[in-house]
Amino acid sequence: MPLNTRRSDINIIADILKLGETNKTQIMYGANMSYRQLEKYLGFLIEKKFLTKKQSERNSGGLFQVTQRGKRLLRHIEKTLELLEEEPVP
């Protein structure tokens, strides 16, 4: 059974976490999302401590960095998506 081709929240979160340390613009373009979506996901990921925001002299908006907790979440997401793509055993 093919799953929906639209990206889920989990896919979007994984796309953001894969980017590592970066700024808002790079996240928005790298994860292919609107500014409104970006704000929603950044707020959630920071609140849940999957990302931290740090000040940057070169970037007035700051930089966002994946935490160890965020890296662990990304590994779990990737493993789950991998399992979902496997062929079922008859």
PDB file of N, CA and C in Angstrom:
ATOM      1  N   MET A   1       0.851  -1.180   0.000  1.00  0.00           N
ATOM      2  CA  MET A   1       0.000   0.000   0.000  1.00  0.00           C
ATOM      3  C   MET A   1       0.893   1.238   0.000  1.00  0.00           C
ATOM      4  N   PRO A   2       0.816   2.064  -1.020  1.00  0.00           N
ATOM      5  CA  PRO A   2       1.619   3.292  -1.034  1.00  0.00           C
ATOM      6  C   PRO A   2       1.069   4.307  -0.039  1.00  0.00           C
ATOM      7  N   LEU A   3       1.979   4.961   0.660  1.00  0.00           N
ATOM      8  CA  LEU A   3       1.572   5.996   1.605  1.00  0.00           C
ATOM      9  C   LEU A   3       1.397   7.319   0.880  1.00  0.00           C
ATOM     10  N   ASN A   4       0.749   8.252   1.534  1.00  0.00           N
ATOM     11  CA  ASN A   4       0.527   9.590   0.997  1.00  0.00           C
ATOM     12  C   ASN A   4       1.864  10.217   0.588  1.00  0.00           C
ATOM     13  N   THR A   5       1.890  10.848  -0.583  1.00  0.00           N
ATOM     14  CA  THR A   5       3.129  11.450  -1.073  1.00  0.00           C
ATOM     15  C   THR A   5       3.400  12.826  -0.467  1.00  0.00           C
ATOM     16  N   ARG A   6       2.423  13.431   0.178  1.00  0.00           N
ATOM     17  CA  ARG A   6       2.656  14.711   0.857  1.00  0.00           C
ATOM     18  C   ARG A   6       3.552  14.494   2.061  1.00  0.00           C
ATOM     19  N   ARG A   7       4.369  15.480   2.347  1.00  0.00           N
ATOM     20  CA  ARG A   7       5.255  15.371   3.503  1.00  0.00           C
ATOM     21  C   ARG A   7       4.461  15.502   4.798  1.00  0.00           C
ATOM     22  N   SER A   8       4.776  14.655   5.739  1.00  0.00           N
ATOM     23  CA  SER A   8       4.145  14.727   7.050  1.00  0.00           C
ATOM     24  C   SER A   8       4.964  15.656   7.947  1.00  0.00           C
ATOM     25  N   ASP A   9       4.409  15.949   9.122  1.00  0.00           N
ATOM     26  CA  ASP A   9       5.151  16.739  10.101  1.00  0.00           C
ATOM     27  C   ASP A   9       6.480  16.065  10.426  1.00  0.00           C
ATOM     28  N   ILE A  10       6.464  14.745  10.528  1.00  0.00           N
ATOM     29  CA  ILE A  10       7.683  14.002  10.859  1.00  0.00           C
ATOM     30  C   ILE A  10       8.742  14.187   9.771  1.00  0.00           C
ATOM     31  N   ASN A  11       8.330  14.119   8.504  1.00  0.00           N
ATOM     32  CA  ASN A  11       9.279  14.323   7.407  1.00  0.00           C
ATOM     33  C   ASN A  11       9.869  15.733   7.441  1.00  0.00           C
ATOM     34  N   ILE A  12       9.045  16.716   7.734  1.00  0.00           N
ATOM     35  CA  ILE A  12       9.509  18.104   7.787  1.00  0.00           C
ATOM     36  C   ILE A  12      10.485  18.287   8.954  1.00  0.00           C
ATOM     37  N   ILE A  13      10.151  17.713  10.106  1.00  0.00           N
ATOM     38  CA  ILE A  13      11.051  17.798  11.258  1.00  0.00           C
ATOM     39  C   ILE A  13      12.391  17.152  10.928  1.00  0.00           C
ATOM     40  N   ALA A  14      12.358  15.997  10.281  1.00  0.00           N
ATOM     41  CA  ALA A  14      13.605  15.320   9.893  1.00  0.00           C
ATOM     42  C   ALA A  14      14.411  16.196   8.940  1.00  0.00           C
ATOM     43  N   ASP A  15      13.748  16.816   7.976  1.00  0.00           N
ATOM     44  CA  ASP A  15      14.450  17.693   7.033  1.00  0.00           C
ATOM     45  C   ASP A  15      15.150  18.842   7.763  1.00  0.00           C
ATOM     46  N   ILE A  16      14.493  19.405   8.761  1.00  0.00           N
ATOM     47  CA  ILE A  16      15.088  20.506   9.536  1.00  0.00           C
ATOM     48  C   ILE A  16      16.282  20.006  10.341  1.00  0.00           C
ATOM     49  N   LEU A  17      16.113  18.887  11.023  1.00  0.00           N
ATOM     50  CA  LEU A  17      17.180  18.360  11.871  1.00  0.00           C
ATOM     51  C   LEU A  17      18.403  17.937  11.065  1.00  0.00           C
ATOM     52  N   LYS A  18      18.207  17.511   9.839  1.00  0.00           N
ATOM     53  CA  LYS A  18      19.324  17.093   8.982  1.00  0.00           C
ATOM     54  C   LYS A  18      20.237  18.259   8.617  1.00  0.00           C
ATOM     55  N   LEU A  19      19.728  19.474   8.712  1.00  0.00           N
ATOM     56  CA  LEU A  19      20.501  20.640   8.292  1.00  0.00           C
ATOM     57  C   LEU A  19      21.609  21.028   9.268  1.00  0.00           C
ATOM     58  N   GLY A  20      21.545  20.539  10.502  1.00  0.00           N
ATOM     59  CA  GLY A  20      22.600  20.854  11.476  1.00  0.00           C
ATOM     60  C   GLY A  20      22.519  22.287  11.952  1.00  0.00           C
ATOM     61  N   GLU A  21      23.663  22.971  12.034  1.00  0.00           N
ATOM     62  CA  GLU A  21      23.705  24.369  12.493  1.00  0.00           C
ATOM     63  C   GLU A  21      23.516  25.292  11.301  1.00  0.00           C
ATOM     64  N   THR A  22      22.477  26.107  11.364  1.00  0.00           N
ATOM     65  CA  THR A  22      22.165  26.975  10.234  1.00  0.00           C
ATOM     66  C   THR A  22      21.241  28.111  10.668  1.00  0.00           C
ATOM     67  N   ASN A  23      20.935  29.011   9.736  1.00  0.00           N
ATOM     68  CA  ASN A  23      20.056  30.144  10.047  1.00  0.00           C
ATOM     69  C   ASN A  23      18.651  29.912   9.474  1.00  0.00           C
ATOM     70  N   LYS A  24      17.751  30.833   9.791  1.00  0.00           N
ATOM     71  CA  LYS A  24      16.355  30.679   9.371  1.00  0.00           C
ATOM     72  C   LYS A  24      16.198  30.556   7.854  1.00  0.00           C
ATOM     73  N   THR A  25      16.907  31.376   7.118  1.00  0.00           N
ATOM     74  CA  THR A  25      16.776  31.356   5.653  1.00  0.00           C
ATOM     75  C   THR A  25      17.202  30.005   5.092  1.00  0.00           C
ATOM     76  N   GLN A  26      18.320  29.493   5.578  1.00  0.00           N
ATOM     77  CA  GLN A  26      18.790  28.198   5.088  1.00  0.00           C
ATOM     78  C   GLN A  26      17.834  27.073   5.476  1.00  0.00           C
ATOM     79  N   ILE A  27      17.234  27.162   6.657  1.00  0.00           N
ATOM     80  CA  ILE A  27      16.249  26.153   7.063  1.00  0.00           C
ATOM     81  C   ILE A  27      15.026  26.235   6.153  1.00  0.00           C
ATOM     82  N   MET A  28      14.550  27.451   5.920  1.00  0.00           N
ATOM     83  CA  MET A  28      13.354  27.637   5.101  1.00  0.00           C
ATOM     84  C   MET A  28      13.551  27.060   3.700  1.00  0.00           C
ATOM     85  N   TYR A  29      14.677  27.359   3.087  1.00  0.00           N
ATOM     86  CA  TYR A  29      14.935  26.851   1.738  1.00  0.00           C
ATOM     87  C   TYR A  29      15.357  25.389   1.752  1.00  0.00           C
ATOM     88  N   GLY A  30      16.163  24.997   2.730  1.00  0.00           N
ATOM     89  CA  GLY A  30      16.641  23.622   2.799  1.00  0.00           C
ATOM     90  C   GLY A  30      15.533  22.621   3.075  1.00  0.00           C
ATOM     91  N   ALA A  31      14.543  23.028   3.866  1.00  0.00           N
ATOM     92  CA  ALA A  31      13.421  22.147   4.199  1.00  0.00           C
ATOM     93  C   ALA A  31      12.194  22.454   3.339  1.00  0.00           C
ATOM     94  N   ASN A  32      12.348  23.387   2.389  1.00  0.00           N
ATOM     95  CA  ASN A  32      11.288  23.721   1.433  1.00  0.00           C
ATOM     96  C   ASN A  32       9.967  24.048   2.132  1.00  0.00           C
ATOM     97  N   MET A  33       9.967  25.154   2.875  1.00  0.00           N
ATOM     98  CA  MET A  33       8.763  25.539   3.606  1.00  0.00           C
ATOM     99  C   MET A  33       8.554  27.050   3.574  1.00  0.00           C
ATOM    100  N   SER A  34       7.359  27.460   3.926  1.00  0.00           N
ATOM    101  CA  SER A  34       7.041  28.884   3.992  1.00  0.00           C
ATOM    102  C   SER A  34       7.552  29.457   5.312  1.00  0.00           C
ATOM    103  N   TYR A  35       7.560  30.785   5.396  1.00  0.00           N
ATOM    104  CA  TYR A  35       8.006  31.440   6.625  1.00  0.00           C
ATOM    105  C   TYR A  35       7.070  31.091   7.789  1.00  0.00           C
ATOM    106  N   ARG A  36       5.796  31.019   7.516  1.00  0.00           N
ATOM    107  CA  ARG A  36       4.813  30.670   8.553  1.00  0.00           C
ATOM    108  C   ARG A  36       5.085  29.258   9.099  1.00  0.00           C
ATOM    109  N   GLN A  37       5.325  28.309   8.202  1.00  0.00           N
ATOM    110  CA  GLN A  37       5.663  26.949   8.628  1.00  0.00           C
ATOM    111  C   GLN A  37       6.963  26.950   9.436  1.00  0.00           C
ATOM    112  N   LEU A  38       7.933  27.694   8.956  1.00  0.00           N
ATOM    113  CA  LEU A  38       9.235  27.771   9.618  1.00  0.00           C
ATOM    114  C   LEU A  38       9.075  28.195  11.074  1.00  0.00           C
ATOM    115  N   GLU A  39       8.329  29.249  11.307  1.00  0.00           N
ATOM    116  CA  GLU A  39       8.124  29.749  12.666  1.00  0.00           C
ATOM    117  C   GLU A  39       7.451  28.694  13.544  1.00  0.00           C
ATOM    118  N   LYS A  40       6.467  28.009  12.994  1.00  0.00           N
ATOM    119  CA  LYS A  40       5.743  26.974  13.731  1.00  0.00           C
ATOM    120  C   LYS A  40       6.693  25.845  14.144  1.00  0.00           C
ATOM    121  N   TYR A  41       7.457  25.338  13.197  1.00  0.00           N
ATOM    122  CA  TYR A  41       8.340  24.205  13.477  1.00  0.00           C
ATOM    123  C   TYR A  41       9.514  24.604  14.371  1.00  0.00           C
ATOM    124  N   LEU A  42      10.091  25.771  14.159  1.00  0.00           N
ATOM    125  CA  LEU A  42      11.196  26.203  15.017  1.00  0.00           C
ATOM    126  C   LEU A  42      10.727  26.348  16.460  1.00  0.00           C
ATOM    127  N   GLY A  43       9.566  26.943  16.645  1.00  0.00           N
ATOM    128  CA  GLY A  43       9.017  27.092  17.997  1.00  0.00           C
ATOM    129  C   GLY A  43       8.838  25.746  18.678  1.00  0.00           C
ATOM    130  N   PHE A  44       8.276  24.787  17.956  1.00  0.00           N
ATOM    131  CA  PHE A  44       8.067  23.450  18.508  1.00  0.00           C
ATOM    132  C   PHE A  44       9.396  22.776  18.842  1.00  0.00           C
ATOM    133  N   LEU A  45      10.345  22.807  17.897  1.00  0.00           N
ATOM    134  CA  LEU A  45      11.621  22.113  18.090  1.00  0.00           C
ATOM    135  C   LEU A  45      12.455  22.723  19.217  1.00  0.00           C
ATOM    136  N   ILE A  46      12.372  24.033  19.379  1.00  0.00           N
ATOM    137  CA  ILE A  46      13.086  24.687  20.485  1.00  0.00           C
ATOM    138  C   ILE A  46      12.413  24.357  21.819  1.00  0.00           C
ATOM    139  N   GLU A  47      11.091  24.437  21.842  1.00  0.00           N
ATOM    140  CA  GLU A  47      10.338  24.134  23.068  1.00  0.00           C
ATOM    141  C   GLU A  47      10.625  22.703  23.560  1.00  0.00           C
ATOM    142  N   LYS A  48      10.725  21.759  22.628  1.00  0.00           N
ATOM    143  CA  LYS A  48      10.972  20.352  22.982  1.00  0.00           C
ATOM    144  C   LYS A  48      12.455  20.038  23.134  1.00  0.00           C
ATOM    145  N   LYS A  49      13.289  21.054  22.988  1.00  0.00           N
ATOM    146  CA  LYS A  49      14.750  20.949  23.158  1.00  0.00           C
ATOM    147  C   LYS A  49      15.432  20.060  22.121  1.00  0.00           C
ATOM    148  N   PHE A  50      14.885  20.060  20.897  1.00  0.00           N
ATOM    149  CA  PHE A  50      15.528  19.361  19.789  1.00  0.00           C
ATOM    150  C   PHE A  50      16.467  20.311  19.038  1.00  0.00           C
ATOM    151  N   LEU A  51      16.227  21.616  19.192  1.00  0.00           N
ATOM    152  CA  LEU A  51      17.076  22.669  18.619  1.00  0.00           C
ATOM    153  C   LEU A  51      17.360  23.700  19.695  1.00  0.00           C
ATOM    154  N   THR A  52      18.503  24.364  19.554  1.00  0.00           N
ATOM    155  CA  THR A  52      18.782  25.529  20.392  1.00  0.00           C
ATOM    156  C   THR A  52      19.079  26.703  19.456  1.00  0.00           C
ATOM    157  N   LYS A  53      18.806  27.888  19.951  1.00  0.00           N
ATOM    158  CA  LYS A  53      19.121  29.089  19.188  1.00  0.00           C
ATOM    159  C   LYS A  53      20.284  29.780  19.876  1.00  0.00           C
ATOM    160  N   LYS A  54      21.302  30.108  19.091  1.00  0.00           N
ATOM    161  CA  LYS A  54      22.434  30.824  19.668  1.00  0.00           C
ATOM    162  C   LYS A  54      22.691  32.086  18.871  1.00  0.00           C
ATOM    163  N   GLN A  55      23.225  33.078  19.551  1.00  0.00           N
ATOM    164  CA  GLN A  55      23.515  34.357  18.909  1.00  0.00           C
ATOM    165  C   GLN A  55      24.718  34.219  17.986  1.00  0.00           C
ATOM    166  N   SER A  56      24.706  35.018  16.939  1.00  0.00           N
ATOM    167  CA  SER A  56      25.796  34.987  15.976  1.00  0.00           C
ATOM    168  C   SER A  56      26.158  36.414  15.603  1.00  0.00           C
ATOM    169  N   GLU A  57      27.452  36.680  15.564  1.00  0.00           N
ATOM    170  CA  GLU A  57      27.898  38.020  15.159  1.00  0.00           C
ATOM    171  C   GLU A  57      27.617  38.263  13.680  1.00  0.00           C
ATOM    172  N   ARG A  58      27.679  37.209  12.890  1.00  0.00           N
ATOM    173  CA  ARG A  58      27.487  37.350  11.437  1.00  0.00           C
ATOM    174  C   ARG A  58      26.026  37.313  11.020  1.00  0.00           C
ATOM    175  N   ASN A  59      25.149  36.785  11.873  1.00  0.00           N
ATOM    176  CA  ASN A  59      23.755  36.639  11.505  1.00  0.00           C
ATOM    177  C   ASN A  59      22.882  37.207  12.612  1.00  0.00           C
ATOM    178  N   SER A  60      22.195  38.297  12.326  1.00  0.00           N
ATOM    179  CA  SER A  60      21.409  38.976  13.363  1.00  0.00           C
ATOM    180  C   SER A  60      20.244  38.125  13.864  1.00  0.00           C
ATOM    181  N   GLY A  61      19.753  37.197  13.038  1.00  0.00           N
ATOM    182  CA  GLY A  61      18.645  36.337  13.454  1.00  0.00           C
ATOM    183  C   GLY A  61      19.099  35.158  14.279  1.00  0.00           C
ATOM    184  N   GLY A  62      20.392  34.984  14.426  1.00  0.00           N
ATOM    185  CA  GLY A  62      20.925  33.881  15.204  1.00  0.00           C
ATOM    186  C   GLY A  62      21.053  32.609  14.389  1.00  0.00           C
ATOM    187  N   LEU A  63      21.651  31.632  15.001  1.00  0.00           N
ATOM    188  CA  LEU A  63      21.826  30.328  14.373  1.00  0.00           C
ATOM    189  C   LEU A  63      21.069  29.285  15.178  1.00  0.00           C
ATOM    190  N   PHE A  64      20.602  28.280  14.494  1.00  0.00           N
ATOM    191  CA  PHE A  64      19.882  27.194  15.134  1.00  0.00           C
ATOM    192  C   PHE A  64      20.745  25.951  15.038  1.00  0.00           C
ATOM    193  N   GLN A  65      20.891  25.270  16.172  1.00  0.00           N
ATOM    194  CA  GLN A  65      21.765  24.106  16.233  1.00  0.00           C
ATOM    195  C   GLN A  65      20.986  22.917  16.778  1.00  0.00           C
ATOM    196  N   VAL A  66      21.192  21.757  16.155  1.00  0.00           N
ATOM    197  CA  VAL A  66      20.547  20.528  16.604  1.00  0.00           C
ATOM    198  C   VAL A  66      21.215  20.071  17.899  1.00  0.00           C
ATOM    199  N   THR A  67      20.408  19.742  18.892  1.00  0.00           N
ATOM    200  CA  THR A  67      20.925  19.252  20.174  1.00  0.00           C
ATOM    201  C   THR A  67      21.166  17.743  20.084  1.00  0.00           C
ATOM    202  N   GLN A  68      21.772  17.177  21.109  1.00  0.00           N
ATOM    203  CA  GLN A  68      21.945  15.723  21.157  1.00  0.00           C
ATOM    204  C   GLN A  68      20.582  15.035  21.144  1.00  0.00           C
ATOM    205  N   ARG A  69      19.636  15.627  21.838  1.00  0.00           N
ATOM    206  CA  ARG A  69      18.264  15.090  21.846  1.00  0.00           C
ATOM    207  C   ARG A  69      17.673  15.112  20.428  1.00  0.00           C
ATOM    208  N   GLY A  70      17.947  16.182  19.683  1.00  0.00           N
ATOM    209  CA  GLY A  70      17.476  16.294  18.298  1.00  0.00           C
ATOM    210  C   GLY A  70      18.135  15.268  17.392  1.00  0.00           C
ATOM    211  N   LYS A  71      19.419  15.019  17.612  1.00  0.00           N
ATOM    212  CA  LYS A  71      20.119  14.002  16.808  1.00  0.00           C
ATOM    213  C   LYS A  71      19.550  12.621  17.078  1.00  0.00           C
ATOM    214  N   ARG A  72      19.211  12.366  18.339  1.00  0.00           N
ATOM    215  CA  ARG A  72      18.616  11.075  18.695  1.00  0.00           C
ATOM    216  C   ARG A  72      17.242  10.934  18.031  1.00  0.00           C
ATOM    217  N   LEU A  73      16.449  12.004  18.058  1.00  0.00           N
ATOM    218  CA  LEU A  73      15.145  11.981  17.403  1.00  0.00           C
ATOM    219  C   LEU A  73      15.298  11.704  15.911  1.00  0.00           C
ATOM    220  N   LEU A  74      16.251  12.347  15.269  1.00  0.00           N
ATOM    221  CA  LEU A  74      16.472  12.152  13.842  1.00  0.00           C
ATOM    222  C   LEU A  74      16.810  10.692  13.543  1.00  0.00           C
ATOM    223  N   ARG A  75      17.659  10.078  14.344  1.00  0.00           N
ATOM    224  CA  ARG A  75      17.990   8.654  14.134  1.00  0.00           C
ATOM    225  C   ARG A  75      16.742   7.785  14.242  1.00  0.00           C
ATOM    226  N   HIS A  76      15.881   8.076  15.221  1.00  0.00           N
ATOM    227  CA  HIS A  76      14.636   7.307  15.391  1.00  0.00           C
ATOM    228  C   HIS A  76      13.690   7.511  14.201  1.00  0.00           C
ATOM    229  N   ILE A  77      13.577   8.738  13.747  1.00  0.00           N
ATOM    230  CA  ILE A  77      12.716   9.020  12.586  1.00  0.00           C
ATOM    231  C   ILE A  77      13.228   8.267  11.366  1.00  0.00           C
ATOM    232  N   GLU A  78      14.532   8.342  11.114  1.00  0.00           N
ATOM    233  CA  GLU A  78      15.102   7.672   9.944  1.00  0.00           C
ATOM    234  C   GLU A  78      14.893   6.168  10.015  1.00  0.00           C
ATOM    235  N   LYS A  79      15.061   5.581  11.188  1.00  0.00           N
ATOM    236  CA  LYS A  79      14.860   4.137  11.361  1.00  0.00           C
ATOM    237  C   LYS A  79      13.402   3.770  11.129  1.00  0.00           C
ATOM    238  N   THR A  80      12.482   4.566  11.657  1.00  0.00           N
ATOM    239  CA  THR A  80      11.052   4.303  11.480  1.00  0.00           C
ATOM    240  C   THR A  80      10.664   4.401  10.009  1.00  0.00           C
ATOM    241  N   LEU A  81      11.129   5.439   9.320  1.00  0.00           N
ATOM    242  CA  LEU A  81      10.813   5.587   7.901  1.00  0.00           C
ATOM    243  C   LEU A  81      11.393   4.438   7.085  1.00  0.00           C
ATOM    244  N   GLU A  82      12.582   4.001   7.472  1.00  0.00           N
ATOM    245  CA  GLU A  82      13.211   2.866   6.795  1.00  0.00           C
ATOM    246  C   GLU A  82      12.356   1.607   6.983  1.00  0.00           C
ATOM    247  N   LEU A  83      11.868   1.363   8.194  1.00  0.00           N
ATOM    248  CA  LEU A  83      11.031   0.197   8.467  1.00  0.00           C
ATOM    249  C   LEU A  83       9.715   0.253   7.691  1.00  0.00           C
ATOM    250  N   LEU A  84       9.157   1.431   7.535  1.00  0.00           N
ATOM    251  CA  LEU A  84       7.907   1.588   6.808  1.00  0.00           C
ATOM    252  C   LEU A  84       8.069   1.289   5.323  1.00  0.00           C
ATOM    253  N   GLU A  85       9.271   1.463   4.805  1.00  0.00           N
ATOM    254  CA  GLU A  85       9.517   1.227   3.375  1.00  0.00           C
ATOM    255  C   GLU A  85       9.836  -0.227   3.069  1.00  0.00           C
ATOM    256  N   GLU A  86      10.122  -1.036   4.100  1.00  0.00           N
ATOM    257  CA  GLU A  86      10.459  -2.435   3.868  1.00  0.00           C
ATOM    258  C   GLU A  86       9.251  -3.199   3.341  1.00  0.00           C
ATOM    259  N   GLU A  87       9.545  -4.206   2.541  1.00  0.00           N
ATOM    260  CA  GLU A  87       8.495  -5.074   2.031  1.00  0.00           C
ATOM    261  C   GLU A  87       7.992  -5.966   3.172  1.00  0.00           C
ATOM    262  N   PRO A  88       6.681  -6.147   3.298  1.00  0.00           N
ATOM    263  CA  PRO A  88       6.171  -7.015   4.359  1.00  0.00           C
ATOM    264  C   PRO A  88       6.539  -8.473   4.093  1.00  0.00           C
ATOM    265  N   VAL A  89       6.739  -9.216   5.166  1.00  0.00           N
ATOM    266  CA  VAL A  89       7.044 -10.640   5.062  1.00  0.00           C
ATOM    267  C   VAL A  89       5.735 -11.389   4.910  1.00  0.00           C
ATOM    268  N   PRO A  90       5.615 -12.246   3.871  1.00  0.00           N
ATOM    269  CA  PRO A  90       4.335 -12.979   3.669  1.00  0.00           C
ATOM    270  C   PRO A  90       4.078 -14.004   4.738  1.00  0.00           C
TER     271      PRO A  90
END
